[in-house]
Every structure is written in structure tokens, then in C-alpha cells.
Protein backbone atom coordinates (compact mmCIF):
# COMPACT_ATOMS: atom_id res chain seq x y z
CA MET A 1 -28.20 -9.51 -23.40
CA PRO A 2 -25.37 -10.69 -21.09
CA GLY A 3 -22.74 -9.90 -23.72
CA SER A 4 -24.09 -6.39 -24.16
CA HIS A 5 -24.04 -5.73 -20.40
CA SER A 6 -20.46 -6.98 -20.20
CA TYR A 7 -19.42 -4.68 -23.07
CA VAL A 8 -21.00 -1.65 -21.41
CA LEU A 9 -19.36 -2.47 -18.06
CA ASP A 10 -15.95 -2.98 -19.68
CA ASN A 11 -16.20 0.39 -21.41
CA ALA A 12 -17.27 2.12 -18.21
CA LEU A 13 -14.32 0.64 -16.32
CA LEU A 14 -11.97 1.65 -19.14
CA ILE A 15 -13.24 5.24 -19.00
CA LEU A 16 -12.59 5.28 -15.24
CA GLU A 17 -9.06 3.98 -15.83
CA ILE A 18 -8.44 6.80 -18.34
CA LEU A 19 -9.88 9.47 -16.03
CA ARG A 20 -7.73 8.27 -13.12
CA ARG A 21 -4.57 8.69 -15.19
CA ILE A 22 -5.18 12.16 -16.63
CA PRO A 23 -2.86 14.54 -14.72
CA ARG A 24 -3.81 17.91 -13.26
CA ARG A 25 -0.68 19.91 -14.16
CA THR A 26 1.28 18.47 -17.06
CA TYR A 27 -0.26 17.12 -20.27
CA THR A 28 -0.45 13.44 -21.14
CA THR A 29 -1.19 11.84 -24.51
CA SER A 30 -3.37 9.01 -25.77
CA VAL A 31 -0.21 7.00 -26.47
CA HIS A 32 1.07 7.39 -22.90
CA LEU A 33 -2.37 6.64 -21.44
CA ARG A 34 -2.64 3.46 -23.50
CA GLU A 35 0.80 2.32 -22.29
CA GLN A 36 -0.26 2.84 -18.66
CA ILE A 37 -3.57 1.04 -19.13
CA ILE A 38 -1.89 -1.92 -20.85
CA ALA A 39 0.66 -2.07 -18.01
CA ALA A 40 -2.29 -2.26 -15.60
CA GLY A 41 -3.49 -5.39 -17.37
CA HIS A 42 -6.06 -4.08 -19.87
CA ASP A 43 -5.88 -4.97 -23.58
CA VAL A 44 -6.95 -1.85 -25.45
CA SER A 45 -6.21 -0.27 -28.82
CA LEU A 46 -4.96 3.26 -29.33
CA ARG A 47 -8.07 4.10 -31.38
CA THR A 48 -10.32 3.01 -28.49
CA VAL A 49 -8.44 5.25 -26.06
CA GLN A 50 -8.69 8.18 -28.47
CA ARG A 51 -12.43 7.61 -28.94
CA HIS A 52 -13.02 7.58 -25.19
CA LEU A 53 -10.90 10.71 -24.76
CA ASP A 54 -13.10 12.54 -27.28
CA ALA A 55 -16.19 11.59 -25.27
CA ILE A 56 -14.53 12.41 -21.95
CA CYS A 57 -13.53 15.91 -23.10
CA SER A 58 -17.15 16.68 -23.98
CA ARG A 59 -18.47 15.61 -20.56
CA PHE A 60 -15.71 16.34 -18.03
CA ALA A 61 -13.54 19.35 -17.25
CA ILE A 62 -10.67 18.00 -19.35
CA GLU A 63 -8.49 20.38 -21.37
CA CYS A 64 -7.31 19.18 -24.80
CA ASP A 65 -4.22 20.82 -26.27
CA THR A 66 -4.53 20.53 -30.07
CA ARG A 67 -1.51 22.66 -30.98
CA GLY A 68 0.50 19.56 -31.92
CA LYS A 69 0.16 15.83 -32.32
CA PRO A 70 -0.40 13.71 -30.39
CA PHE A 71 -2.91 15.91 -28.52
CA GLY A 72 -2.28 16.65 -24.85
CA TYR A 73 -4.83 16.12 -22.07
CA ARG A 74 -5.08 17.35 -18.48
CA TRP A 75 -7.72 18.41 -15.96
CA MET A 76 -8.68 22.07 -16.17
CA GLU A 77 -7.41 24.32 -13.40
CA GLY A 78 -9.83 24.29 -10.47
CA ALA A 79 -11.61 21.13 -11.67
CA GLU A 80 -12.70 18.81 -8.87
CA GLY A 81 -11.74 15.70 -10.83
CA LEU A 82 -13.23 12.38 -9.81
CA LYS A 83 -15.23 12.61 -6.60
CA LEU A 84 -15.09 9.85 -4.01
CA PRO A 85 -18.52 9.88 -2.33
CA LEU A 86 -18.05 6.50 -0.62
CA LEU A 87 -15.36 7.48 1.88
CA THR A 88 -16.05 6.22 5.38
CA ALA A 89 -15.52 8.52 8.36
CA GLY A 90 -12.33 6.58 9.19
CA GLU A 91 -10.95 6.97 5.67
CA ALA A 92 -11.78 10.68 5.69
CA LEU A 93 -9.97 11.08 9.01
CA LEU A 94 -6.95 9.24 7.64
CA LEU A 95 -6.78 11.56 4.63
CA GLN A 96 -7.08 14.66 6.81
CA LEU A 97 -4.27 13.41 9.04
CA ALA A 98 -2.17 12.64 5.96
CA LYS A 99 -2.71 16.17 4.68
CA SER A 100 -1.47 17.65 7.96
CA GLU A 101 1.76 15.65 7.57
CA ILE A 102 2.61 15.97 3.88
CA SER A 103 1.56 19.59 3.43
CA GLN A 104 4.94 20.67 4.83
CA LEU A 105 6.95 18.03 3.00
CA LEU A 106 5.98 18.43 -0.67
CA PRO A 107 6.02 21.41 -3.05
CA ALA A 108 2.74 23.29 -3.40
CA ARG A 109 2.25 22.04 -6.97
CA ALA A 110 2.39 18.40 -5.89
CA LEU A 111 0.05 19.06 -2.98
CA ALA A 112 -2.40 20.91 -5.22
CA SER A 113 -2.86 17.83 -7.40
CA MET A 114 -4.29 16.04 -4.35
CA ALA A 115 -6.59 18.89 -3.35
CA PRO A 116 -9.79 17.26 -4.73
CA LEU A 117 -9.16 14.14 -2.66
CA PHE A 118 -8.61 16.16 0.50
CA SER A 119 -11.70 18.26 -0.26
CA THR A 120 -13.78 15.10 -0.54
CA ALA A 121 -12.48 13.94 2.84
CA ARG A 122 -13.28 17.30 4.42
CA ARG A 123 -16.82 17.33 3.00
CA GLU A 124 -17.36 13.76 4.21
CA LEU A 125 -16.48 14.79 7.75
CA GLU A 126 -18.66 17.89 7.59
CA SER A 127 -21.68 15.88 6.41
CA SER A 128 -21.14 12.93 8.77
CA PRO A 129 -24.09 12.03 11.06
CA ALA A 130 -21.83 12.81 14.03
CA PRO A 131 -19.47 15.43 12.60
CA GLN A 132 -18.35 16.90 15.91
CA VAL A 133 -16.95 13.56 17.07
CA GLU A 134 -14.92 13.00 13.90
CA ARG A 135 -13.68 16.58 13.71
CA ARG A 136 -12.60 16.58 17.35
CA TRP A 137 -10.40 13.52 16.72
CA LEU A 138 -8.01 15.69 14.70
CA LYS A 139 -7.44 17.76 17.87
CA LYS A 140 -6.84 14.68 20.01
CA VAL A 141 -3.58 13.57 18.33
CA GLN A 142 -0.23 15.34 17.99
CA ARG A 143 3.30 14.57 16.79
CA ILE A 144 6.15 16.08 18.80
CA PRO A 145 9.66 16.25 17.28
CA GLU A 146 12.54 14.61 19.13
CA SER A 147 14.98 17.33 18.12
CA GLN A 148 14.85 21.07 17.43
CA PRO A 149 12.14 21.54 14.75
CA LEU A 150 13.18 23.23 11.50
CA LEU A 151 11.14 24.95 8.83
CA THR A 152 10.67 23.05 5.59
CA PRO A 153 13.20 24.20 2.96
CA LYS A 154 11.83 25.56 -0.30
CA ILE A 155 11.99 23.25 -3.32
CA ALA A 156 11.14 24.61 -6.77
CA SER A 157 8.05 22.77 -8.01
CA VAL A 158 9.55 22.36 -11.50
CA VAL A 159 12.61 20.71 -9.95
CA PHE A 160 10.53 18.30 -7.87
CA ASP A 161 8.36 17.43 -10.88
CA ALA A 162 11.41 16.70 -13.06
CA VAL A 163 13.15 14.65 -10.36
CA SER A 164 10.09 12.55 -9.54
CA ASP A 165 9.33 12.04 -13.26
CA ALA A 166 12.87 10.84 -13.98
CA LEU A 167 12.81 8.62 -10.90
CA TYR A 168 9.49 7.06 -11.95
CA ARG A 169 10.57 6.47 -15.57
CA GLU A 170 14.13 5.46 -14.58
CA CYS A 171 15.60 7.91 -17.05
CA LYS A 172 18.62 10.17 -16.84
CA LEU A 173 18.36 13.57 -15.21
CA ASN A 174 20.28 16.75 -16.08
CA ILE A 175 20.74 18.97 -13.04
CA HIS A 176 22.27 22.30 -12.02
CA TYR A 177 22.98 22.33 -8.28
CA ARG A 178 24.89 24.06 -5.50
CA ASN A 179 27.32 21.87 -3.60
CA ALA A 180 28.00 22.16 0.13
CA GLN A 181 30.58 24.90 -0.55
CA GLY A 182 28.06 26.95 -2.52
CA ARG A 183 29.66 26.33 -5.92
CA HIS A 184 27.36 25.77 -8.90
CA LYS A 185 27.80 22.46 -10.70
CA GLN A 186 26.18 20.67 -13.67
CA ALA A 187 25.82 16.93 -13.99
CA THR A 188 23.85 14.09 -15.47
CA VAL A 189 22.68 11.66 -12.79
CA TRP A 190 20.75 8.41 -12.52
CA PRO A 191 17.99 8.95 -9.91
CA LEU A 192 17.64 5.91 -7.63
CA GLY A 193 15.44 7.09 -4.77
CA LEU A 194 13.90 9.91 -2.76
CA VAL A 195 14.48 9.93 0.98
CA GLN A 196 12.79 12.12 3.57
CA GLN A 197 14.82 12.88 6.69
CA GLY A 198 12.97 15.16 9.06
CA VAL A 199 11.65 18.02 6.92
CA ARG A 200 14.30 17.61 4.22
CA LEU A 201 14.13 15.64 0.97
CA TYR A 202 17.18 14.01 -0.58
CA LEU A 203 17.85 12.40 -3.95
CA VAL A 204 19.93 9.23 -3.94
CA CYS A 205 21.62 8.97 -7.33
CA ARG A 206 24.65 7.96 -9.35
CA PHE A 207 26.61 10.52 -11.31
CA GLU A 208 26.99 9.32 -14.87
CA GLY A 209 30.37 7.68 -15.34
CA TYR A 210 30.68 6.59 -11.68
CA ASP A 211 29.66 3.41 -9.88
CA ASN A 212 28.89 4.70 -6.38
CA GLU A 213 25.80 6.31 -4.89
CA ARG A 214 25.64 9.98 -3.89
CA ILE A 215 23.15 12.03 -1.89
CA LEU A 216 21.89 15.42 -3.11
CA ALA A 217 19.63 17.71 -1.08
CA LEU A 218 16.68 18.72 -3.29
CA PRO A 219 16.72 22.40 -2.14
CA ARG A 220 20.24 22.69 -3.63
CA ILE A 221 19.07 21.61 -7.10
CA VAL A 222 18.25 24.84 -8.93
CA GLN A 223 17.39 23.33 -12.33
CA ALA A 224 16.42 19.82 -13.41
CA GLU A 225 15.39 18.26 -16.69
CA ALA A 226 14.27 14.66 -17.14
CA ARG A 227 15.67 13.13 -20.32
CA SER A 228 14.08 10.45 -22.47
CA GLU A 229 17.14 8.19 -22.25
CA VAL A 230 16.70 5.28 -19.81
CA PHE A 231 19.65 4.20 -17.65
CA PRO A 232 20.45 0.59 -16.60
CA TRP A 233 19.28 0.02 -13.03
CA PRO A 234 22.34 -0.78 -10.86
CA THR A 235 22.48 -4.47 -10.02
CA GLY A 236 22.09 -5.11 -6.31
CA PHE A 237 21.08 -1.58 -5.34
CA ASP A 238 18.34 -1.45 -2.69
CA LEU A 239 17.27 1.90 -1.23
CA ALA A 240 16.15 0.42 2.09
CA ASN A 241 19.50 -1.32 2.59
CA TYR A 242 21.32 1.85 1.57
CA CYS A 243 19.49 3.84 4.26
CA ASN A 244 19.85 1.08 6.88
CA ASP A 245 23.60 1.08 6.35
CA GLY A 246 23.68 4.52 7.93
CA GLU A 247 24.38 6.64 4.85
CA PHE A 248 22.05 9.39 6.05
CA GLY A 249 23.73 9.39 9.42
CA MET A 250 27.06 10.10 7.68
CA SER A 251 28.30 6.53 7.78
CA ARG A 252 31.89 5.62 8.55
CA GLY A 253 31.39 2.46 6.51
CA ARG A 254 31.42 -0.06 9.34
CA LYS A 255 29.36 -1.73 12.07
CA VAL A 256 30.38 -1.54 15.74
CA ARG A 257 29.46 -3.35 18.91
CA LEU A 258 28.39 -0.46 21.15
CA ARG A 259 28.45 -0.68 24.94
CA PHE A 260 27.65 2.08 27.46
CA HIS A 261 26.13 2.83 30.83
CA ILE A 262 23.13 5.15 31.07
CA ASP A 263 21.15 6.59 33.96
CA LYS A 264 18.27 4.15 34.57
CA THR A 265 15.55 6.78 34.41
CA CYS A 266 16.87 8.17 31.11
CA GLY A 267 17.47 4.70 29.69
CA GLN A 268 13.96 3.34 30.20
CA HIS A 269 12.97 4.37 26.66
CA LEU A 270 15.72 2.11 25.26
CA LEU A 271 13.94 -0.90 26.78
CA GLU A 272 10.84 0.06 24.78
CA SER A 273 12.61 1.31 21.64
CA PRO A 274 15.89 -0.66 21.33
CA LEU A 275 18.87 0.57 19.34
CA ALA A 276 19.02 -2.75 17.45
CA ALA A 277 17.37 -6.16 17.30
CA ASP A 278 20.30 -7.73 19.22
CA GLN A 279 20.30 -5.13 22.01
CA THR A 280 20.80 -6.41 25.54
CA ALA A 281 20.27 -4.51 28.80
CA SER A 282 21.66 -5.27 32.25
CA ASP A 283 20.42 -3.67 35.49
CA LEU A 284 23.35 -2.12 37.43
CA GLY A 285 21.26 -0.53 40.16
CA ASP A 286 20.98 3.15 39.33
CA LYS A 287 22.22 2.54 35.77
CA LEU A 288 21.59 0.27 32.79
CA GLU A 289 24.34 -1.32 30.73
CA ILE A 290 23.30 -1.34 27.06
CA THR A 291 25.00 -3.30 24.28
CA ALA A 292 23.91 -3.35 20.62
CA THR A 293 25.29 -3.74 17.10
CA VAL A 294 24.84 -0.47 15.20
CA ALA A 295 26.20 1.44 12.21
CA ASP A 296 29.09 3.74 13.11
CA THR A 297 27.78 7.15 12.09
CA GLU A 298 28.09 10.80 13.00
CA LEU A 299 24.41 10.66 13.97
CA LEU A 300 25.23 7.99 16.58
CA LEU A 301 28.05 10.09 18.04
CA ARG A 302 25.78 13.14 18.25
CA TRP A 303 23.13 11.05 19.99
CA LEU A 304 25.63 9.76 22.55
CA ARG A 305 27.07 13.22 23.21
CA GLY A 306 23.57 14.61 23.63
CA TRP A 307 23.10 12.67 26.88
CA GLY A 308 26.04 14.43 28.52
CA GLU A 309 26.85 13.05 32.00
CA LYS A 310 23.88 10.66 31.87
CA ILE A 311 26.04 8.28 29.78
CA ASP A 312 29.51 6.92 30.59
CA GLY A 313 31.73 3.92 29.89
CA ILE A 314 31.24 4.14 26.13
CA GLU A 315 32.98 1.39 24.13
CA MET A 316 32.76 0.95 20.36
CA THR A 317 34.34 -2.24 18.99
CA PRO A 318 34.56 -2.42 15.17
CA LEU A 319 33.13 -5.60 13.64
CA MET A 320 34.55 -7.48 10.68
CA LEU A 321 32.20 -7.31 7.67
């Protein structure tokens, strides 16, 4: 019967949706799962979700915490979760490359939740018809830092979990942190974004009671607790614009028209990777004259000073906003 087949398929897809949303570390509930599934466009009752969870717990490595209601659900420790047997060699390579990058950027707890996916990618490469070719690709590519490399600072996993949870749910966050002078402070903040700069992670937020954005280094947050209270998202705030305005380069709050001369050999990379979309370059023989509109930041000044005698004739003309 066509209707019967459709019913079976719909239930199978619903079970997959539930399985995908069961976390590996913290518990979730049938109520929360139903909210997520409805947000994804599926019309489902709470009783249906609960019925499927009962069946799932009897067939998958799902732990059910019955100490209170509503019951909590999560994958058991060490469980492989959902396997992805249809990964292509290219997709497996992409995941392995991603692992090499993010393993030094996220807390161990967050990385552990992705372990089954990375394991699937590794097994796919090992069982590929031409495994040596795929595996050798990982040794054919490298990333080299442009500045002195630093070790990744330690971030408490419970802090990262609380920050990312509050950021996702757009709810207030209570924090205990050390400021730049080493003093311990407490505050309630509105988390607006996470930004990675090099090996460091920063939280862009507003302190409750203020109307400007602040930047907090995650390693300096020693305690964090996500609250249930939602905050009003600031009108007009855009994380990409905030970063592009030079805030992470210690902005001076203005744009400048920059002009300088640079040794032609050293300046060749600026012809390939311009400082700005409006950059112009003039050939002066053994030097290049570069002009561009950029944010006036400490990062810019450090970059200019880093060239030493290779750069001269520096002019920075402030622009009216």
C-alpha cells in the first residue's frame, strides 16, 4: 500500500532526525528534541517523540537518565553513534584535514563528540581501493604560520560548553574571569559571537547594563554558567562587520588612507594579496608605491614596523566617516 510505505518511510526519517540530535556529553529531553525537530520543519507530537525514544534506547547505545522528569538522553560513552558508510575518498580526506586543524583549536570534550565522524573517515581511507594514494595526500599539504607560532591556550571544557550553549540559545551568561591585570571579576554578559584569531578563541559580548561590545579571551574565563533568560539581540550588530572594523587589531576607531614605499622584491606579495580592495601600486624602479584604505589598528602598525628598512615614506591620512 502506497500510504503504508509512506508512513514507514516518514517514521524512519523521524528516527534518524532524533538520533542525529541526541548529544554525546550532556543530556537532552524529549521536549527539547521535539522543539528542534519542529524547528527543522517536521510536525510531530511529543508522544510520538517519546515513543520513538523508547524504541531507540532498546536498539542503540543510548543512555536514559530516569532520575527525574523529563527523562534525559545521551549516547553512552564510547558509543560509535551513527556511522556514515557512504563517505567518498574526497570527503574522508576533507574530514581528516579538518581534524588536523581543529584538534588544536577546540577543547578535548568538544573534539571527542566528533570522534565517531573522524573514525569513519579514517576507516574509509584505510579500506579504499587505493589507500596509499589517499593517505599520502595528507603528507603532501602543509600550513605554515606567518608569525611566530604559539601553543594553544587551555580552555576548561565546562567553560567552552557553557559559552557555546549560551551563544546558541542567545541567553545570558554568568562568568567569573581574570582581566588583563590578573584581577578576578564577575559579570553577566550577552554572548554575541566566538572569534578565532590564530590559536586563541575570543568571546564578543555585551556586559549587562552597557550598550557597547567587549572582547573576552576564553582562557581567562574560569567559570561560566548559561542562564535560561534570553536577552534581546542588539539591533544592527553584525559579527563580520565588527571584525572587519579592526576590533581584533586593537582599532583606533577610524579608517586611514595609507601610502608607503616598499622594496619591490618584498612587495610582490602585495600585488597578489592586496591590503584592500581599493589598493593601487605604482612601479618606482627598485620600489613599489602602495596606497590603500585600511583600518587604523595596532596590528597595522606592527606589520609596518616589521618590515624595518624595507619600507619608507609612510603616510597615514585619516578619513572622515
